[in-house]
Amino acid sequence: MSPVAVGGPALFIGTDTDYVALVRPELDPADPGVRQAAAQAGVTPEEFAGAGDTWAVLIEHDGEGGGFELPGVRDAEPADFAERLRAELVAATGGPFTVDGGALLRLDARPAGTATDDAGTDGDAGEGGGAEAYAFTAHVTPPDDPSDDDAGMPLTVETGPLPVAGLLADLDAFLGSLA
């Protein structure tokens, strides 16, 4: 676990063990952990923290994690993806749907019945008109990177059932953090 506190917009889709996430990490140069890490790296805290404007995709599947940066991606692109996912969940009639995030990310959703939310209670469909829960297959394709033999190799992450109400709340929080 890192002693450095990381903030910034983040959208996690999945469970603790199987997920895909869109994140834009932000480090606070005044944070003691950032200051200590910067000193160890021989740079100023501001240099260590960086601009905080680089998006990344994180994945975790069967205990194996990874991720990659998305240089040049602006807030509008993850926001558009989140808005389209939200619209599909609200409009869903209980059938499968797909949200295409371009060459790097595609989510295939399928109804998964009733899910249990983080509080251990049954998920509620909330605004969605169909299933109470969806399971997702995330198709992730890292960008080509000549220094990485696995770059560009497609990855698939299967999530368990996720309650629609929880997903909608997470999407609203994510979109609010970008406003």
C-alpha atoms as a PDB file:
ATOM      1  CA  MET A   1       0.000   0.000   0.000  1.00  0.00           C
ATOM      2  CA  SER A   2       1.276   3.434  -0.914  1.00  0.00           C
ATOM      3  CA  PRO A   3       1.729   6.079   1.783  1.00  0.00           C
ATOM      4  CA  VAL A   4       0.796   8.684  -0.829  1.00  0.00           C
ATOM      5  CA  ALA A   5      -2.852   9.758  -0.927  1.00  0.00           C
ATOM      6  CA  VAL A   6      -4.193   9.868  -4.479  1.00  0.00           C
ATOM      7  CA  GLY A   7      -7.249  11.865  -5.487  1.00  0.00           C
ATOM      8  CA  GLY A   8      -8.836  12.758  -8.788  1.00  0.00           C
ATOM      9  CA  PRO A   9     -11.753  11.488 -10.832  1.00  0.00           C
ATOM     10  CA  ALA A  10     -12.149   7.701 -10.924  1.00  0.00           C
ATOM     11  CA  LEU A  11     -14.795   5.371 -12.311  1.00  0.00           C
ATOM     12  CA  PHE A  12     -14.519   1.733 -11.205  1.00  0.00           C
ATOM     13  CA  ILE A  13     -16.740  -0.833 -12.897  1.00  0.00           C
ATOM     14  CA  GLY A  14     -16.604  -4.207 -11.228  1.00  0.00           C
ATOM     15  CA  THR A  15     -15.827  -5.803  -7.909  1.00  0.00           C
ATOM     16  CA  ASP A  16     -12.818  -5.662  -5.593  1.00  0.00           C
ATOM     17  CA  THR A  17     -11.184  -8.510  -7.508  1.00  0.00           C
ATOM     18  CA  ASP A  18     -12.370  -8.003 -11.100  1.00  0.00           C
ATOM     19  CA  TYR A  19     -12.704  -4.488 -12.454  1.00  0.00           C
ATOM     20  CA  VAL A  20     -11.826  -1.951 -15.089  1.00  0.00           C
ATOM     21  CA  ALA A  21     -11.317   1.663 -14.058  1.00  0.00           C
ATOM     22  CA  LEU A  22     -10.881   5.017 -15.741  1.00  0.00           C
ATOM     23  CA  VAL A  23      -8.778   7.259 -13.477  1.00  0.00           C
ATOM     24  CA  ARG A  24      -7.032  10.608 -13.586  1.00  0.00           C
ATOM     25  CA  PRO A  25      -4.776  10.494 -10.516  1.00  0.00           C
ATOM     26  CA  GLU A  26      -3.989  13.744  -8.760  1.00  0.00           C
ATOM     27  CA  LEU A  27      -1.292  14.018  -6.122  1.00  0.00           C
ATOM     28  CA  ASP A  28      -1.139  16.901  -3.639  1.00  0.00           C
ATOM     29  CA  PRO A  29       2.420  18.292  -3.415  1.00  0.00           C
ATOM     30  CA  ALA A  30       1.676  19.342   0.189  1.00  0.00           C
ATOM     31  CA  ASP A  31       0.844  15.761   1.244  1.00  0.00           C
ATOM     32  CA  PRO A  32       3.583  14.423   3.582  1.00  0.00           C
ATOM     33  CA  GLY A  33       3.741  11.141   1.655  1.00  0.00           C
ATOM     34  CA  VAL A  34       4.245  13.002  -1.630  1.00  0.00           C
ATOM     35  CA  ARG A  35       6.943  15.176  -0.055  1.00  0.00           C
ATOM     36  CA  GLN A  36       8.746  12.107   1.298  1.00  0.00           C
ATOM     37  CA  ALA A  37       8.513  10.231  -2.004  1.00  0.00           C
ATOM     38  CA  ALA A  38       9.733  13.307  -3.892  1.00  0.00           C
ATOM     39  CA  ALA A  39      12.731  13.636  -1.575  1.00  0.00           C
ATOM     40  CA  GLN A  40      13.568   9.955  -2.100  1.00  0.00           C
ATOM     41  CA  ALA A  41      13.295  10.456  -5.864  1.00  0.00           C
ATOM     42  CA  GLY A  42      15.456  13.589  -5.735  1.00  0.00           C
ATOM     43  CA  VAL A  43      12.810  15.898  -7.233  1.00  0.00           C
ATOM     44  CA  THR A  44      10.556  18.645  -5.923  1.00  0.00           C
ATOM     45  CA  PRO A  45       7.102  17.675  -4.628  1.00  0.00           C
ATOM     46  CA  GLU A  46       5.565  19.613  -7.536  1.00  0.00           C
ATOM     47  CA  GLU A  47       7.611  17.641 -10.067  1.00  0.00           C
ATOM     48  CA  PHE A  48       6.732  14.362  -8.349  1.00  0.00           C
ATOM     49  CA  ALA A  49       3.016  15.199  -8.264  1.00  0.00           C
ATOM     50  CA  GLY A  50       2.994  16.105 -11.944  1.00  0.00           C
ATOM     51  CA  ALA A  51       0.226  17.923 -13.750  1.00  0.00           C
ATOM     52  CA  GLY A  52      -2.549  15.500 -12.743  1.00  0.00           C
ATOM     53  CA  ASP A  53      -4.001  15.598 -16.228  1.00  0.00           C
ATOM     54  CA  THR A  54      -3.149  12.134 -17.573  1.00  0.00           C
ATOM     55  CA  TRP A  55      -5.931   9.567 -17.732  1.00  0.00           C
ATOM     56  CA  ALA A  56      -5.236   5.876 -17.235  1.00  0.00           C
ATOM     57  CA  VAL A  57      -7.074   2.567 -17.490  1.00  0.00           C
ATOM     58  CA  LEU A  58      -6.576   0.157 -14.584  1.00  0.00           C
ATOM     59  CA  ILE A  59      -7.632  -3.469 -14.648  1.00  0.00           C
ATOM     60  CA  GLU A  60      -7.747  -6.280 -12.128  1.00  0.00           C
ATOM     61  CA  HIS A  61      -8.689  -9.832 -13.045  1.00  0.00           C
ATOM     62  CA  ASP A  62      -8.194 -12.990 -10.988  1.00  0.00           C
ATOM     63  CA  GLY A  63      -5.636 -11.259  -8.770  1.00  0.00           C
ATOM     64  CA  GLU A  64      -3.603  -9.938 -11.687  1.00  0.00           C
ATOM     65  CA  GLY A  65      -3.593  -6.197 -12.164  1.00  0.00           C
ATOM     66  CA  GLY A  66      -2.245  -3.779 -14.659  1.00  0.00           C
ATOM     67  CA  GLY A  67      -2.986  -0.653 -16.528  1.00  0.00           C
ATOM     68  CA  PHE A  68      -1.799   1.892 -18.992  1.00  0.00           C
ATOM     69  CA  GLU A  69      -1.806   5.639 -19.506  1.00  0.00           C
ATOM     70  CA  LEU A  70      -3.944   7.432 -22.047  1.00  0.00           C
ATOM     71  CA  PRO A  71      -1.842  10.425 -23.065  1.00  0.00           C
ATOM     72  CA  GLY A  72      -3.772  13.134 -24.830  1.00  0.00           C
ATOM     73  CA  VAL A  73      -7.175  12.035 -23.516  1.00  0.00           C
ATOM     74  CA  ARG A  74      -9.184  14.995 -22.251  1.00  0.00           C
ATOM     75  CA  ASP A  75     -11.903  14.919 -19.580  1.00  0.00           C
ATOM     76  CA  ALA A  76     -14.612  15.100 -22.253  1.00  0.00           C
ATOM     77  CA  GLU A  77     -13.856  11.579 -23.523  1.00  0.00           C
ATOM     78  CA  PRO A  78     -14.229   9.677 -20.209  1.00  0.00           C
ATOM     79  CA  ALA A  79     -17.232  11.904 -19.427  1.00  0.00           C
ATOM     80  CA  ASP A  80     -18.846  10.954 -22.738  1.00  0.00           C
ATOM     81  CA  PHE A  81     -18.239   7.255 -22.044  1.00  0.00           C
ATOM     82  CA  ALA A  82     -19.770   7.593 -18.554  1.00  0.00           C
ATOM     83  CA  GLU A  83     -22.773   9.529 -19.898  1.00  0.00           C
ATOM     84  CA  ARG A  84     -23.419   6.857 -22.545  1.00  0.00           C
ATOM     85  CA  LEU A  85     -23.126   4.060 -19.962  1.00  0.00           C
ATOM     86  CA  ARG A  86     -25.529   5.941 -17.681  1.00  0.00           C
ATOM     87  CA  ALA A  87     -28.009   6.462 -20.529  1.00  0.00           C
ATOM     88  CA  GLU A  88     -27.902   2.748 -21.411  1.00  0.00           C
ATOM     89  CA  LEU A  89     -28.502   1.730 -17.795  1.00  0.00           C
ATOM     90  CA  VAL A  90     -31.457   4.121 -17.475  1.00  0.00           C
ATOM     91  CA  ALA A  91     -32.961   3.066 -20.814  1.00  0.00           C
ATOM     92  CA  ALA A  92     -32.232  -0.649 -20.400  1.00  0.00           C
ATOM     93  CA  THR A  93     -35.270  -2.876 -20.568  1.00  0.00           C
ATOM     94  CA  GLY A  94     -33.501  -5.834 -19.012  1.00  0.00           C
ATOM     95  CA  GLY A  95     -31.641  -6.875 -22.136  1.00  0.00           C
ATOM     96  CA  PRO A  96     -27.962  -6.776 -23.046  1.00  0.00           C
ATOM     97  CA  PHE A  97     -26.278  -3.648 -24.366  1.00  0.00           C
ATOM     98  CA  THR A  98     -22.825  -2.423 -25.404  1.00  0.00           C
ATOM     99  CA  VAL A  99     -21.041   0.847 -24.684  1.00  0.00           C
ATOM    100  CA  ASP A 100     -18.146   1.442 -27.064  1.00  0.00           C
ATOM    101  CA  GLY A 101     -15.313   3.566 -25.738  1.00  0.00           C
ATOM    102  CA  GLY A 102     -13.318   3.462 -28.954  1.00  0.00           C
ATOM    103  CA  ALA A 103     -10.286   1.352 -29.746  1.00  0.00           C
ATOM    104  CA  LEU A 104      -9.245   1.004 -26.094  1.00  0.00           C
ATOM    105  CA  LEU A 105     -12.393   0.014 -24.192  1.00  0.00           C
ATOM    106  CA  ARG A 106     -15.740  -1.633 -24.863  1.00  0.00           C
ATOM    107  CA  LEU A 107     -18.256  -2.788 -22.247  1.00  0.00           C
ATOM    108  CA  ASP A 108     -20.723  -5.554 -23.018  1.00  0.00           C
ATOM    109  CA  ALA A 109     -23.488  -5.623 -20.395  1.00  0.00           C
ATOM    110  CA  ARG A 110     -25.901  -8.444 -19.693  1.00  0.00           C
ATOM    111  CA  PRO A 111     -28.681  -8.720 -17.107  1.00  0.00           C
ATOM    112  CA  ALA A 112     -27.554 -10.508 -13.983  1.00  0.00           C
ATOM    113  CA  GLY A 113     -30.680 -10.588 -11.806  1.00  0.00           C
ATOM    114  CA  THR A 114     -30.361  -9.291  -8.275  1.00  0.00           C
ATOM    115  CA  ALA A 115     -27.000  -8.105  -7.005  1.00  0.00           C
ATOM    116  CA  THR A 116     -25.781  -7.290  -3.530  1.00  0.00           C
ATOM    117  CA  ASP A 117     -24.474  -3.776  -3.012  1.00  0.00           C
ATOM    118  CA  ASP A 118     -21.568  -2.753  -0.752  1.00  0.00           C
ATOM    119  CA  ALA A 119     -23.918  -2.574   2.258  1.00  0.00           C
ATOM    120  CA  GLY A 120     -24.956  -6.210   1.740  1.00  0.00           C
ATOM    121  CA  THR A 121     -28.495  -5.352   0.706  1.00  0.00           C
ATOM    122  CA  ASP A 122     -30.222  -6.232  -2.522  1.00  0.00           C
ATOM    123  CA  GLY A 123     -29.466  -3.747  -5.303  1.00  0.00           C
ATOM    124  CA  ASP A 124     -32.374  -1.646  -6.520  1.00  0.00           C
ATOM    125  CA  ALA A 125     -32.855  -0.841 -10.169  1.00  0.00           C
ATOM    126  CA  GLY A 126     -33.481   2.818  -9.327  1.00  0.00           C
ATOM    127  CA  GLU A 127     -33.982   4.757 -12.559  1.00  0.00           C
ATOM    128  CA  GLY A 128     -33.248   1.783 -14.796  1.00  0.00           C
ATOM    129  CA  GLY A 129     -36.330   0.165 -16.236  1.00  0.00           C
ATOM    130  CA  GLY A 130     -34.996  -3.358 -16.574  1.00  0.00           C
ATOM    131  CA  ALA A 131     -32.660  -5.599 -14.639  1.00  0.00           C
ATOM    132  CA  GLU A 132     -31.716  -4.842 -11.047  1.00  0.00           C
ATOM    133  CA  ALA A 133     -28.136  -5.800 -11.819  1.00  0.00           C
ATOM    134  CA  TYR A 134     -25.802  -6.186 -14.753  1.00  0.00           C
ATOM    135  CA  ALA A 135     -22.596  -8.112 -15.247  1.00  0.00           C
ATOM    136  CA  PHE A 136     -20.038  -6.664 -17.635  1.00  0.00           C
ATOM    137  CA  THR A 137     -17.426  -7.989 -19.975  1.00  0.00           C
ATOM    138  CA  ALA A 138     -14.822  -5.282 -20.442  1.00  0.00           C
ATOM    139  CA  HIS A 139     -12.721  -5.570 -23.582  1.00  0.00           C
ATOM    140  CA  VAL A 140      -9.545  -3.541 -23.054  1.00  0.00           C
ATOM    141  CA  THR A 141      -6.871  -3.006 -25.685  1.00  0.00           C
ATOM    142  CA  PRO A 142      -3.749  -1.177 -24.470  1.00  0.00           C
ATOM    143  CA  PRO A 143      -2.138   1.192 -26.962  1.00  0.00           C
ATOM    144  CA  ASP A 144       0.899  -0.012 -28.877  1.00  0.00           C
ATOM    145  CA  ASP A 145       4.145   0.482 -26.966  1.00  0.00           C
ATOM    146  CA  PRO A 146       7.378  -0.716 -28.589  1.00  0.00           C
ATOM    147  CA  SER A 147       9.004  -1.117 -25.151  1.00  0.00           C
ATOM    148  CA  ASP A 148       6.307  -3.544 -23.915  1.00  0.00           C
ATOM    149  CA  ASP A 149       5.876  -6.991 -25.474  1.00  0.00           C
ATOM    150  CA  ASP A 150       2.297  -7.242 -24.142  1.00  0.00           C
ATOM    151  CA  ALA A 151       1.196  -3.796 -25.352  1.00  0.00           C
ATOM    152  CA  GLY A 152      -1.668  -3.834 -27.800  1.00  0.00           C
ATOM    153  CA  MET A 153      -2.677  -7.315 -26.642  1.00  0.00           C
ATOM    154  CA  PRO A 154      -6.438  -7.349 -25.881  1.00  0.00           C
ATOM    155  CA  LEU A 155      -7.518  -8.145 -22.329  1.00  0.00           C
ATOM    156  CA  THR A 156     -10.931  -9.250 -21.093  1.00  0.00           C
ATOM    157  CA  VAL A 157     -12.313  -8.658 -17.609  1.00  0.00           C
ATOM    158  CA  GLU A 158     -15.570 -10.264 -16.441  1.00  0.00           C
ATOM    159  CA  THR A 159     -17.333  -8.620 -13.511  1.00  0.00           C
ATOM    160  CA  GLY A 160     -19.850 -10.182 -11.221  1.00  0.00           C
ATOM    161  CA  PRO A 161     -23.370  -8.781 -10.898  1.00  0.00           C
ATOM    162  CA  LEU A 162     -23.391  -5.057 -10.099  1.00  0.00           C
ATOM    163  CA  PRO A 163     -26.523  -3.292  -8.824  1.00  0.00           C
ATOM    164  CA  VAL A 164     -27.884  -0.714 -11.265  1.00  0.00           C
ATOM    165  CA  ALA A 165     -28.627   1.792  -8.487  1.00  0.00           C
ATOM    166  CA  GLY A 166     -25.015   1.638  -7.286  1.00  0.00           C
ATOM    167  CA  LEU A 167     -23.672   2.005 -10.814  1.00  0.00           C
ATOM    168  CA  LEU A 168     -25.885   5.035 -11.433  1.00  0.00           C
ATOM    169  CA  ALA A 169     -24.714   6.641  -8.181  1.00  0.00           C
ATOM    170  CA  ASP A 170     -21.055   5.968  -9.090  1.00  0.00           C
ATOM    171  CA  LEU A 171     -21.573   7.398 -12.577  1.00  0.00           C
ATOM    172  CA  ASP A 172     -23.225  10.534 -11.145  1.00  0.00           C
ATOM    173  CA  ALA A 173     -20.358  11.013  -8.671  1.00  0.00           C
ATOM    174  CA  PHE A 174     -17.796  10.517 -11.446  1.00  0.00           C
ATOM    175  CA  LEU A 175     -19.527  12.980 -13.760  1.00  0.00           C
ATOM    176  CA  GLY A 176     -19.861  15.454 -10.889  1.00  0.00           C
ATOM    177  CA  SER A 177     -16.117  15.228 -10.212  1.00  0.00           C
ATOM    178  CA  LEU A 178     -15.474  16.284 -13.810  1.00  0.00           C
ATOM    179  CA  ALA A 179     -17.862  19.259 -13.734  1.00  0.00           C
END
